[in-house]
């Protein structure tokens, strides 16, 4: 569960950077 949350956050940062 925690790993999934971290992945979602990482994807969100990637979206902003892209």
N, C-alpha and C. Protein backbone atom coordinates (compact mmCIF):
# COMPACT_ATOMS: atom_id res chain seq x y z
N UNK A 1 0.85 -1.21 0.00
CA UNK A 1 0.00 0.00 0.00
C UNK A 1 0.87 1.25 0.00
N UNK A 2 1.84 1.28 0.90
CA UNK A 2 2.73 2.45 0.98
C UNK A 2 3.52 2.60 -0.32
N UNK A 3 3.95 1.47 -0.87
CA UNK A 3 4.72 1.54 -2.12
C UNK A 3 3.86 2.13 -3.23
N UNK A 4 2.60 1.75 -3.28
CA UNK A 4 1.71 2.27 -4.33
C UNK A 4 1.58 3.78 -4.20
N UNK A 5 1.47 4.27 -2.95
CA UNK A 5 1.36 5.71 -2.74
C UNK A 5 2.62 6.41 -3.22
N UNK A 6 3.78 5.85 -2.91
CA UNK A 6 5.05 6.46 -3.34
C UNK A 6 5.12 6.50 -4.86
N UNK A 7 4.67 5.45 -5.51
CA UNK A 7 4.71 5.42 -6.98
C UNK A 7 3.80 6.50 -7.54
N UNK A 8 2.62 6.66 -6.94
CA UNK A 8 1.68 7.69 -7.42
C UNK A 8 2.32 9.07 -7.28
N UNK A 9 3.01 9.32 -6.17
CA UNK A 9 3.66 10.62 -5.95
C UNK A 9 4.76 10.81 -7.00
N UNK A 10 5.56 9.76 -7.22
CA UNK A 10 6.65 9.85 -8.21
C UNK A 10 6.09 10.14 -9.59
N UNK A 11 4.98 9.47 -9.93
CA UNK A 11 4.37 9.70 -11.24
C UNK A 11 3.87 11.13 -11.34
N UNK A 12 3.31 11.65 -10.25
CA UNK A 12 2.81 13.03 -10.23
C UNK A 12 3.95 14.00 -10.48
N UNK A 13 5.10 13.78 -9.83
CA UNK A 13 6.25 14.67 -10.03
C UNK A 13 6.70 14.58 -11.48
N UNK A 14 6.73 13.36 -12.03
CA UNK A 14 7.14 13.17 -13.42
C UNK A 14 6.21 13.94 -14.34
N UNK A 15 4.90 13.90 -14.07
CA UNK A 15 3.93 14.61 -14.91
C UNK A 15 4.22 16.10 -14.90
N UNK A 16 4.50 16.65 -13.71
CA UNK A 16 4.78 18.09 -13.61
C UNK A 16 6.07 18.42 -14.37
N UNK A 17 7.08 17.57 -14.21
CA UNK A 17 8.37 17.83 -14.87
C UNK A 17 8.21 17.74 -16.39
N UNK A 18 7.41 16.78 -16.86
CA UNK A 18 7.22 16.61 -18.30
C UNK A 18 6.40 17.79 -18.83
